[in-house]
């Protein structure tokens, strides 16, 4: 489950140093229990790598995307940015 199915370049700030990285999701693979799993990779931030499961291929991808959003939104160190330098998740200004 390591082949990249979906990926996106990112920028992250860790200890005031801006670095490039990549978040990727592997092709969902069937398991013996009838469910599907995909691997989420945060390159080079391996501490966030995870195997994510779902009831089918689409559900496993949806769960992987929700996991990525939760990590990026809630992480204080590192902080995540889109490739253009904008913060990935900002509080909505009203």
PDB file of N, CA and C in Angstrom:
ATOM      1  N   UNK A   1       0.805  -1.203   0.000  1.00  0.00           N
ATOM      2  CA  UNK A   1       0.000   0.000   0.000  1.00  0.00           C
ATOM      3  C   UNK A   1       0.846   1.264   0.000  1.00  0.00           C
ATOM      4  N   UNK A   2       1.924   1.308  -0.738  1.00  0.00           N
ATOM      5  CA  UNK A   2       2.750   2.503  -0.712  1.00  0.00           C
ATOM      6  C   UNK A   2       2.696   3.305  -2.007  1.00  0.00           C
ATOM      7  N   UNK A   3       2.071   2.788  -3.067  1.00  0.00           N
ATOM      8  CA  UNK A   3       1.971   3.552  -4.307  1.00  0.00           C
ATOM      9  C   UNK A   3       1.038   4.738  -4.109  1.00  0.00           C
ATOM     10  N   UNK A   4       1.502   5.908  -4.521  1.00  0.00           N
ATOM     11  CA  UNK A   4       0.711   7.122  -4.350  1.00  0.00           C
ATOM     12  C   UNK A   4      -0.434   7.161  -5.354  1.00  0.00           C
ATOM     13  N   UNK A   5      -1.631   7.388  -4.856  1.00  0.00           N
ATOM     14  CA  UNK A   5      -2.838   7.496  -5.674  1.00  0.00           C
ATOM     15  C   UNK A   5      -3.200   8.972  -5.841  1.00  0.00           C
ATOM     16  N   UNK A   6      -3.113   9.714  -4.758  1.00  0.00           N
ATOM     17  CA  UNK A   6      -3.364  11.159  -4.732  1.00  0.00           C
ATOM     18  C   UNK A   6      -2.234  11.810  -3.955  1.00  0.00           C
ATOM     19  N   UNK A   7      -1.782  12.967  -4.413  1.00  0.00           N
ATOM     20  CA  UNK A   7      -0.735  13.656  -3.656  1.00  0.00           C
ATOM     21  C   UNK A   7      -0.827  15.159  -3.875  1.00  0.00           C
ATOM     22  N   UNK A   8      -0.262  15.878  -2.935  1.00  0.00           N
ATOM     23  CA  UNK A   8      -0.250  17.340  -3.002  1.00  0.00           C
ATOM     24  C   UNK A   8       1.024  17.840  -2.347  1.00  0.00           C
ATOM     25  N   UNK A   9       1.697  18.764  -3.035  1.00  0.00           N
ATOM     26  CA  UNK A   9       2.847  19.415  -2.431  1.00  0.00           C
ATOM     27  C   UNK A   9       2.357  20.402  -1.385  1.00  0.00           C
ATOM     28  N   UNK A  10       3.134  20.525  -0.334  1.00  0.00           N
ATOM     29  CA  UNK A  10       2.800  21.451   0.750  1.00  0.00           C
ATOM     30  C   UNK A  10       4.070  22.174   1.191  1.00  0.00           C
ATOM     31  N   UNK A  11       3.867  23.182   2.000  1.00  0.00           N
ATOM     32  CA  UNK A  11       4.953  23.828   2.721  1.00  0.00           C
ATOM     33  C   UNK A  11       4.595  23.729   4.198  1.00  0.00           C
ATOM     34  N   UNK A  12       5.575  23.451   5.013  1.00  0.00           N
ATOM     35  CA  UNK A  12       5.315  23.441   6.454  1.00  0.00           C
ATOM     36  C   UNK A  12       6.403  24.218   7.163  1.00  0.00           C
ATOM     37  N   UNK A  13       6.009  24.806   8.284  1.00  0.00           N
ATOM     38  CA  UNK A  13       6.962  25.552   9.104  1.00  0.00           C
ATOM     39  C   UNK A  13       7.199  24.750  10.369  1.00  0.00           C
ATOM     40  N   UNK A  14       8.465  24.422  10.592  1.00  0.00           N
ATOM     41  CA  UNK A  14       8.857  23.674  11.774  1.00  0.00           C
ATOM     42  C   UNK A  14      10.043  24.392  12.387  1.00  0.00           C
ATOM     43  N   UNK A  15       9.882  24.821  13.624  1.00  0.00           N
ATOM     44  CA  UNK A  15      10.921  25.573  14.331  1.00  0.00           C
ATOM     45  C   UNK A  15      11.380  26.774  13.500  1.00  0.00           C
ATOM     46  N   UNK A  16      10.423  27.545  12.983  1.00  0.00           N
ATOM     47  CA  UNK A  16      10.648  28.763  12.192  1.00  0.00           C
ATOM     48  C   UNK A  16      11.398  28.534  10.892  1.00  0.00           C
ATOM     49  N   UNK A  17      11.443  27.306  10.414  1.00  0.00           N
ATOM     50  CA  UNK A  17      12.087  26.981   9.145  1.00  0.00           C
ATOM     51  C   UNK A  17      11.029  26.482   8.170  1.00  0.00           C
ATOM     52  N   UNK A  18      10.868  27.170   7.022  1.00  0.00           N
ATOM     53  CA  UNK A  18       9.902  26.764   6.007  1.00  0.00           C
ATOM     54  C   UNK A  18      10.524  25.670   5.139  1.00  0.00           C
ATOM     55  N   UNK A  19       9.772  24.566   4.959  1.00  0.00           N
ATOM     56  CA  UNK A  19      10.268  23.439   4.169  1.00  0.00           C
ATOM     57  C   UNK A  19       9.158  22.924   3.266  1.00  0.00           C
ATOM     58  N   UNK A  20       9.552  22.314   2.164  1.00  0.00           N
ATOM     59  CA  UNK A  20       8.591  21.688   1.263  1.00  0.00           C
ATOM     60  C   UNK A  20       8.404  20.234   1.656  1.00  0.00           C
ATOM     61  N   UNK A  21       7.197  19.748   1.406  1.00  0.00           N
ATOM     62  CA  UNK A  21       6.884  18.362   1.678  1.00  0.00           C
ATOM     63  C   UNK A  21       5.780  17.899   0.753  1.00  0.00           C
ATOM     64  N   UNK A  22       5.271  16.721   1.013  1.00  0.00           N
ATOM     65  CA  UNK A  22       4.183  16.169   0.199  1.00  0.00           C
ATOM     66  C   UNK A  22       3.286  15.309   1.089  1.00  0.00           C
ATOM     67  N   UNK A  23       1.998  15.471   0.878  1.00  0.00           N
ATOM     68  CA  UNK A  23       1.015  14.601   1.529  1.00  0.00           C
ATOM     69  C   UNK A  23       0.460  13.708   0.436  1.00  0.00           C
ATOM     70  N   UNK A  24       0.425  12.400   0.686  1.00  0.00           N
ATOM     71  CA  UNK A  24      -0.100  11.491  -0.329  1.00  0.00           C
ATOM     72  C   UNK A  24      -0.990  10.426   0.304  1.00  0.00           C
ATOM     73  N   UNK A  25      -1.874   9.887  -0.535  1.00  0.00           N
ATOM     74  CA  UNK A  25      -2.785   8.802  -0.151  1.00  0.00           C
ATOM     75  C   UNK A  25      -2.567   7.674  -1.147  1.00  0.00           C
ATOM     76  N   UNK A  26      -2.423   6.459  -0.640  1.00  0.00           N
ATOM     77  CA  UNK A  26      -2.238   5.314  -1.526  1.00  0.00           C
ATOM     78  C   UNK A  26      -3.575   4.852  -2.104  1.00  0.00           C
ATOM     79  N   UNK A  27      -3.499   4.068  -3.147  1.00  0.00           N
ATOM     80  CA  UNK A  27      -4.691   3.437  -3.724  1.00  0.00           C
ATOM     81  C   UNK A  27      -5.323   2.560  -2.648  1.00  0.00           C
ATOM     82  N   UNK A  28      -6.635   2.678  -2.382  1.00  0.00           N
ATOM     83  CA  UNK A  28      -7.272   1.817  -1.387  1.00  0.00           C
ATOM     84  C   UNK A  28      -7.143   0.345  -1.789  1.00  0.00           C
ATOM     85  N   UNK A  29      -6.824  -0.481  -0.811  1.00  0.00           N
ATOM     86  CA  UNK A  29      -6.641  -1.911  -1.055  1.00  0.00           C
ATOM     87  C   UNK A  29      -7.657  -2.709  -0.242  1.00  0.00           C
ATOM     88  N   UNK A  30      -8.237  -3.761  -0.842  1.00  0.00           N
ATOM     89  CA  UNK A  30      -9.198  -4.581  -0.102  1.00  0.00           C
ATOM     90  C   UNK A  30      -8.503  -5.416   0.974  1.00  0.00           C
ATOM     91  N   UNK A  31      -9.190  -5.589   2.078  1.00  0.00           N
ATOM     92  CA  UNK A  31      -8.695  -6.434   3.167  1.00  0.00           C
ATOM     93  C   UNK A  31      -9.572  -7.684   3.250  1.00  0.00           C
ATOM     94  N   UNK A  32      -9.124  -8.684   3.977  1.00  0.00           N
ATOM     95  CA  UNK A  32      -9.864  -9.952   4.087  1.00  0.00           C
ATOM     96  C   UNK A  32     -11.236  -9.787   4.724  1.00  0.00           C
ATOM     97  N   UNK A  33     -11.403  -8.746   5.536  1.00  0.00           N
ATOM     98  CA  UNK A  33     -12.678  -8.528   6.224  1.00  0.00           C
ATOM     99  C   UNK A  33     -13.701  -7.787   5.354  1.00  0.00           C
ATOM    100  N   UNK A  34     -13.345  -7.527   4.083  1.00  0.00           N
ATOM    101  CA  UNK A  34     -14.259  -6.848   3.178  1.00  0.00           C
ATOM    102  C   UNK A  34     -14.139  -5.336   3.184  1.00  0.00           C
ATOM    103  N   UNK A  35     -13.349  -4.807   4.097  1.00  0.00           N
ATOM    104  CA  UNK A  35     -13.138  -3.367   4.159  1.00  0.00           C
ATOM    105  C   UNK A  35     -11.962  -2.984   3.270  1.00  0.00           C
ATOM    106  N   UNK A  36     -11.699  -1.674   3.133  1.00  0.00           N
ATOM    107  CA  UNK A  36     -10.572  -1.172   2.346  1.00  0.00           C
ATOM    108  C   UNK A  36      -9.696  -0.301   3.224  1.00  0.00           C
ATOM    109  N   UNK A  37      -8.399  -0.305   2.927  1.00  0.00           N
ATOM    110  CA  UNK A  37      -7.464   0.543   3.653  1.00  0.00           C
ATOM    111  C   UNK A  37      -6.573   1.283   2.674  1.00  0.00           C
ATOM    112  N   UNK A  38      -6.193   2.504   3.059  1.00  0.00           N
ATOM    113  CA  UNK A  38      -5.204   3.247   2.292  1.00  0.00           C
ATOM    114  C   UNK A  38      -4.190   3.832   3.277  1.00  0.00           C
ATOM    115  N   UNK A  39      -3.034   4.140   2.758  1.00  0.00           N
ATOM    116  CA  UNK A  39      -1.951   4.659   3.576  1.00  0.00           C
ATOM    117  C   UNK A  39      -1.805   6.153   3.321  1.00  0.00           C
ATOM    118  N   UNK A  40      -1.776   6.942   4.384  1.00  0.00           N
ATOM    119  CA  UNK A  40      -1.565   8.384   4.288  1.00  0.00           C
ATOM    120  C   UNK A  40      -0.127   8.666   4.687  1.00  0.00           C
ATOM    121  N   UNK A  41       0.570   9.398   3.823  1.00  0.00           N
ATOM    122  CA  UNK A  41       1.978   9.705   4.058  1.00  0.00           C
ATOM    123  C   UNK A  41       2.188  11.213   4.110  1.00  0.00           C
ATOM    124  N   UNK A  42       2.881  11.667   5.149  1.00  0.00           N
ATOM    125  CA  UNK A  42       3.298  13.058   5.279  1.00  0.00           C
ATOM    126  C   UNK A  42       4.815  13.075   5.123  1.00  0.00           C
ATOM    127  N   UNK A  43       5.287  13.342   3.930  1.00  0.00           N
ATOM    128  CA  UNK A  43       6.727  13.333   3.653  1.00  0.00           C
ATOM    129  C   UNK A  43       7.295  14.730   3.860  1.00  0.00           C
ATOM    130  N   UNK A  44       8.244  14.970   4.695  1.00  0.00           N
ATOM    131  CA  UNK A  44       9.060  14.067   5.491  1.00  0.00           C
ATOM    132  C   UNK A  44       8.606  13.938   6.947  1.00  0.00           C
ATOM    133  N   UNK A  45       7.386  14.326   7.262  1.00  0.00           N
ATOM    134  CA  UNK A  45       6.882  14.325   8.649  1.00  0.00           C
ATOM    135  C   UNK A  45       6.256  12.982   8.989  1.00  0.00           C
ATOM    136  N   UNK A  46       7.035  11.965   9.107  1.00  0.00           N
ATOM    137  CA  UNK A  46       6.549  10.589   9.241  1.00  0.00           C
ATOM    138  C   UNK A  46       5.701  10.330  10.483  1.00  0.00           C
ATOM    139  N   UNK A  47       5.779  11.191  11.480  1.00  0.00           N
ATOM    140  CA  UNK A  47       4.998  10.930  12.692  1.00  0.00           C
ATOM    141  C   UNK A  47       3.495  10.975  12.434  1.00  0.00           C
ATOM    142  N   UNK A  48       3.068  11.598  11.323  1.00  0.00           N
ATOM    143  CA  UNK A  48       1.649  11.683  10.990  1.00  0.00           C
ATOM    144  C   UNK A  48       1.187  10.595  10.016  1.00  0.00           C
ATOM    145  N   UNK A  49       2.089   9.748   9.525  1.00  0.00           N
ATOM    146  CA  UNK A  49       1.700   8.669   8.618  1.00  0.00           C
ATOM    147  C   UNK A  49       0.682   7.760   9.310  1.00  0.00           C
ATOM    148  N   UNK A  50      -0.277   7.250   8.533  1.00  0.00           N
ATOM    149  CA  UNK A  50      -1.324   6.413   9.133  1.00  0.00           C
ATOM    150  C   UNK A  50      -1.963   5.509   8.086  1.00  0.00           C
ATOM    151  N   UNK A  51      -2.475   4.373   8.556  1.00  0.00           N
ATOM    152  CA  UNK A  51      -3.307   3.501   7.733  1.00  0.00           C
ATOM    153  C   UNK A  51      -4.748   3.835   8.089  1.00  0.00           C
ATOM    154  N   UNK A  52      -5.547   4.160   7.065  1.00  0.00           N
ATOM    155  CA  UNK A  52      -6.925   4.594   7.265  1.00  0.00           C
ATOM    156  C   UNK A  52      -7.858   3.605   6.577  1.00  0.00           C
ATOM    157  N   UNK A  53      -8.908   3.186   7.271  1.00  0.00           N
ATOM    158  CA  UNK A  53      -9.839   2.205   6.720  1.00  0.00           C
ATOM    159  C   UNK A  53     -11.214   2.777   6.460  1.00  0.00           C
ATOM    160  N   UNK A  54     -11.942   2.073   5.600  1.00  0.00           N
ATOM    161  CA  UNK A  54     -13.309   2.450   5.290  1.00  0.00           C
ATOM    162  C   UNK A  54     -14.080   1.251   4.774  1.00  0.00           C
ATOM    163  N   UNK A  55     -15.386   1.420   4.594  1.00  0.00           N
ATOM    164  CA  UNK A  55     -16.218   0.293   4.172  1.00  0.00           C
ATOM    165  C   UNK A  55     -16.065  -0.025   2.691  1.00  0.00           C
ATOM    166  N   UNK A  56     -15.586   0.958   1.907  1.00  0.00           N
ATOM    167  CA  UNK A  56     -15.306   0.727   0.494  1.00  0.00           C
ATOM    168  C   UNK A  56     -14.191   1.687   0.083  1.00  0.00           C
ATOM    169  N   UNK A  57     -13.824   1.678  -1.200  1.00  0.00           N
ATOM    170  CA  UNK A  57     -12.722   2.520  -1.653  1.00  0.00           C
ATOM    171  C   UNK A  57     -12.995   4.004  -1.439  1.00  0.00           C
ATOM    172  N   UNK A  58     -14.163   4.453  -1.826  1.00  0.00           N
ATOM    173  CA  UNK A  58     -14.494   5.873  -1.688  1.00  0.00           C
ATOM    174  C   UNK A  58     -14.511   6.286  -0.219  1.00  0.00           C
ATOM    175  N   UNK A  59     -15.108   5.468   0.621  1.00  0.00           N
ATOM    176  CA  UNK A  59     -15.165   5.794   2.048  1.00  0.00           C
ATOM    177  C   UNK A  59     -13.763   5.865   2.657  1.00  0.00           C
ATOM    178  N   UNK A  60     -12.870   4.960   2.257  1.00  0.00           N
ATOM    179  CA  UNK A  60     -11.515   4.996   2.817  1.00  0.00           C
ATOM    180  C   UNK A  60     -10.784   6.264   2.379  1.00  0.00           C
ATOM    181  N   UNK A  61     -11.004   6.719   1.146  1.00  0.00           N
ATOM    182  CA  UNK A  61     -10.393   7.973   0.689  1.00  0.00           C
ATOM    183  C   UNK A  61     -10.991   9.153   1.442  1.00  0.00           C
ATOM    184  N   UNK A  62     -12.315   9.161   1.634  1.00  0.00           N
ATOM    185  CA  UNK A  62     -12.956  10.236   2.402  1.00  0.00           C
ATOM    186  C   UNK A  62     -12.393  10.301   3.815  1.00  0.00           C
ATOM    187  N   UNK A  63     -12.217   9.150   4.446  1.00  0.00           N
ATOM    188  CA  UNK A  63     -11.668   9.119   5.807  1.00  0.00           C
ATOM    189  C   UNK A  63     -10.220   9.598   5.825  1.00  0.00           C
ATOM    190  N   UNK A  64      -9.446   9.244   4.798  1.00  0.00           N
ATOM    191  CA  UNK A  64      -8.058   9.690   4.707  1.00  0.00           C
ATOM    192  C   UNK A  64      -7.995  11.214   4.568  1.00  0.00           C
ATOM    193  N   UNK A  65      -8.863  11.783   3.741  1.00  0.00           N
ATOM    194  CA  UNK A  65      -8.894  13.234   3.564  1.00  0.00           C
ATOM    195  C   UNK A  65      -9.301  13.927   4.871  1.00  0.00           C
ATOM    196  N   UNK A  66     -10.265  13.355   5.582  1.00  0.00           N
ATOM    197  CA  UNK A  66     -10.675  13.926   6.879  1.00  0.00           C
ATOM    198  C   UNK A  66      -9.521  13.868   7.879  1.00  0.00           C
ATOM    199  N   UNK A  67      -8.754  12.782   7.855  1.00  0.00           N
ATOM    200  CA  UNK A  67      -7.593  12.654   8.738  1.00  0.00           C
ATOM    201  C   UNK A  67      -6.551  13.732   8.412  1.00  0.00           C
ATOM    202  N   UNK A  68      -6.266  13.910   7.120  1.00  0.00           N
ATOM    203  CA  UNK A  68      -5.294  14.922   6.704  1.00  0.00           C
ATOM    204  C   UNK A  68      -5.741  16.304   7.159  1.00  0.00           C
ATOM    205  N   UNK A  69      -7.018  16.618   6.958  1.00  0.00           N
ATOM    206  CA  UNK A  69      -7.541  17.918   7.383  1.00  0.00           C
ATOM    207  C   UNK A  69      -7.380  18.102   8.891  1.00  0.00           C
ATOM    208  N   UNK A  70      -7.687  17.064   9.661  1.00  0.00           N
ATOM    209  CA  UNK A  70      -7.574  17.172  11.117  1.00  0.00           C
ATOM    210  C   UNK A  70      -6.131  17.409  11.545  1.00  0.00           C
ATOM    211  N   UNK A  71      -5.185  16.695  10.938  1.00  0.00           N
ATOM    212  CA  UNK A  71      -3.776  16.891  11.285  1.00  0.00           C
ATOM    213  C   UNK A  71      -3.343  18.314  10.942  1.00  0.00           C
ATOM    214  N   UNK A  72      -3.633  18.743   9.719  1.00  0.00           N
ATOM    215  CA  UNK A  72      -3.191  20.068   9.270  1.00  0.00           C
ATOM    216  C   UNK A  72      -3.861  21.200  10.041  1.00  0.00           C
ATOM    217  N   UNK A  73      -5.119  21.017  10.383  1.00  0.00           N
ATOM    218  CA  UNK A  73      -5.867  22.065  11.079  1.00  0.00           C
ATOM    219  C   UNK A  73      -5.464  22.181  12.546  1.00  0.00           C
ATOM    220  N   UNK A  74      -5.119  21.079  13.170  1.00  0.00           N
ATOM    221  CA  UNK A  74      -4.874  21.076  14.610  1.00  0.00           C
ATOM    222  C   UNK A  74      -3.409  21.097  15.007  1.00  0.00           C
ATOM    223  N   UNK A  75      -2.515  20.964  14.050  1.00  0.00           N
ATOM    224  CA  UNK A  75      -1.091  20.954  14.363  1.00  0.00           C
ATOM    225  C   UNK A  75      -0.584  22.370  14.595  1.00  0.00           C
ATOM    226  N   UNK A  76       0.087  22.561  15.696  1.00  0.00           N
ATOM    227  CA  UNK A  76       0.718  23.855  15.977  1.00  0.00           C
ATOM    228  C   UNK A  76       2.184  23.821  15.540  1.00  0.00           C
ATOM    229  N   UNK A  77       2.795  22.668  15.596  1.00  0.00           N
ATOM    230  CA  UNK A  77       4.200  22.497  15.222  1.00  0.00           C
ATOM    231  C   UNK A  77       4.357  21.142  14.570  1.00  0.00           C
ATOM    232  N   UNK A  78       4.408  21.029  13.295  1.00  0.00           N
ATOM    233  CA  UNK A  78       4.572  22.101  12.328  1.00  0.00           C
ATOM    234  C   UNK A  78       3.242  22.731  11.943  1.00  0.00           C
ATOM    235  N   UNK A  79       3.347  23.899  11.327  1.00  0.00           N
ATOM    236  CA  UNK A  79       2.190  24.583  10.764  1.00  0.00           C
ATOM    237  C   UNK A  79       2.204  24.320   9.258  1.00  0.00           C
ATOM    238  N   UNK A  80       1.035  24.052   8.672  1.00  0.00           N
ATOM    239  CA  UNK A  80       0.953  23.673   7.267  1.00  0.00           C
ATOM    240  C   UNK A  80       0.461  24.814   6.385  1.00  0.00           C
ATOM    241  N   UNK A  81       1.016  24.881   5.160  1.00  0.00           N
ATOM    242  CA  UNK A  81       0.678  25.919   4.190  1.00  0.00           C
ATOM    243  C   UNK A  81       0.473  25.295   2.818  1.00  0.00           C
ATOM    244  N   UNK A  82      -0.395  25.932   2.012  1.00  0.00           N
ATOM    245  CA  UNK A  82      -0.523  25.556   0.610  1.00  0.00           C
ATOM    246  C   UNK A  82       0.774  25.931  -0.089  1.00  0.00           C
ATOM    247  N   UNK A  83       0.987  25.404  -1.256  1.00  0.00           N
ATOM    248  CA  UNK A  83       2.239  25.634  -1.985  1.00  0.00           C
ATOM    249  C   UNK A  83       2.436  27.116  -2.342  1.00  0.00           C
ATOM    250  N   UNK A  84       1.348  27.911  -2.406  1.00  0.00           N
ATOM    251  CA  UNK A  84       1.481  29.344  -2.700  1.00  0.00           C
ATOM    252  C   UNK A  84       1.842  30.160  -1.457  1.00  0.00           C
ATOM    253  N   UNK A  85       1.947  29.498  -0.287  1.00  0.00           N
ATOM    254  CA  UNK A  85       2.334  30.178   0.944  1.00  0.00           C
ATOM    255  C   UNK A  85       1.191  30.563   1.857  1.00  0.00           C
ATOM    256  N   UNK A  86      -0.066  30.445   1.385  1.00  0.00           N
ATOM    257  CA  UNK A  86      -1.213  30.739   2.242  1.00  0.00           C
ATOM    258  C   UNK A  86      -1.361  29.661   3.319  1.00  0.00           C
ATOM    259  N   UNK A  87      -1.778  30.081   4.505  1.00  0.00           N
ATOM    260  CA  UNK A  87      -2.028  29.120   5.581  1.00  0.00           C
ATOM    261  C   UNK A  87      -3.115  28.140   5.147  1.00  0.00           C
ATOM    262  N   UNK A  88      -2.938  26.870   5.455  1.00  0.00           N
ATOM    263  CA  UNK A  88      -3.900  25.868   5.015  1.00  0.00           C
ATOM    264  C   UNK A  88      -5.263  26.053   5.632  1.00  0.00           C
ATOM    265  N   UNK A  89      -5.293  26.326   6.924  1.00  0.00           N
ATOM    266  CA  UNK A  89      -6.574  26.493   7.595  1.00  0.00           C
ATOM    267  C   UNK A  89      -6.511  27.735   8.469  1.00  0.00           C
ATOM    268  N   UNK A  90      -7.390  28.665   8.168  1.00  0.00           N
ATOM    269  CA  UNK A  90      -7.501  29.900   8.938  1.00  0.00           C
ATOM    270  C   UNK A  90      -8.876  29.957   9.549  1.00  0.00           C
ATOM    271  N   UNK A  91      -8.961  30.653  10.632  1.00  0.00           N
ATOM    272  CA  UNK A  91     -10.269  30.914  11.211  1.00  0.00           C
ATOM    273  C   UNK A  91     -11.013  31.823  10.247  1.00  0.00           C
ATOM    274  N   UNK A  92     -12.279  31.580  10.079  1.00  0.00           N
ATOM    275  CA  UNK A  92     -13.096  32.372   9.160  1.00  0.00           C
ATOM    276  C   UNK A  92     -13.282  33.777   9.698  1.00  0.00           C
ATOM    277  N   UNK A  93     -12.950  34.752   8.859  1.00  0.00           N
ATOM    278  CA  UNK A  93     -13.140  36.147   9.254  1.00  0.00           C
ATOM    279  C   UNK A  93     -14.534  36.589   8.851  1.00  0.00           C
ATOM    280  N   UNK A  94     -15.245  37.237   9.769  1.00  0.00           N
ATOM    281  CA  UNK A  94     -16.604  37.692   9.472  1.00  0.00           C
ATOM    282  C   UNK A  94     -16.696  39.182   9.519  1.00  0.00           C
TER     283      UNK A  94
END
